[in-house]
Amino acid sequence: MLDIGLIERALEKPGKTKGGLAAAMGVRPGAVSEILSGIRLIKASEIPLITEYLDLNTVPIMGRVGAGAVIEPEHEQVPPEGLGEVELPFPISEETIAFEVSGDSMLPKYENGDIIVVFKEQRHPVSSFYGEEAAVRLKTGERYLKTIERGKSPAQVNLTSFNAKAINGVKLEWIGEIYLTLPKGQIERLRAKAAARARKAAKAQK
């Protein structure tokens, strides 16, 4: 079931209205207000219609994360709005952002070009991530996709990879907990599907 708060926040975006949502759903205008007030439940068949109209299934790709490659955000050529966005086949939390994997040190689990979706904000202490893969940003600025291991002191960690030398004794500024991983091939199919849908919509408007 879709979160009502998520729908309300999405309706605040430019160009998104209750009337437009009702039209997309094929229901009378008052039905949207009833859903938001809790009087009416969302039908299963309406979820994809709401998701598509409100763009609840898109997540911005905010840069790259190094799996072997060293990513230095201050030198990274990424526009403020990111490298684009990826459209998923289901609604996704608005608290997430995505990164493109660069390098092969985390093979076979993560390949160059895969997309990882992570939480924007670090939600748990560093110690809870020991032994877990995550996107990380070091105090010195570099960004990696690594396995976090306990360091020699509570303020330090070691970052390990499947196919690269460990980075030991570093301090972290941020940990991006992985929400989901999208293989490169799946991303290409999703983008092709979205492009075909956009062409069909443009053709219908002519």
Foldseek 3Di string as FASTA:
>chain_A
DDDLVVLVVLCPDPPRHLVVLCVLQVHDSCVSVCCSVVNDPDDPVSQQSSCVRSVQQKAAAAEAAELPDKDFPVPGPADPRGPGIFGDPHGDDPQKHKHAYDDDQAPPVADHGKMWIFGPADDDDPVVQAQHWWWFAFPVRIIHTFRWHDAPDPQFTWTHTNHDDIDHGTGTPGTTHTPDIGHNVRRVVRVVVVVVVVVVVVVVVD
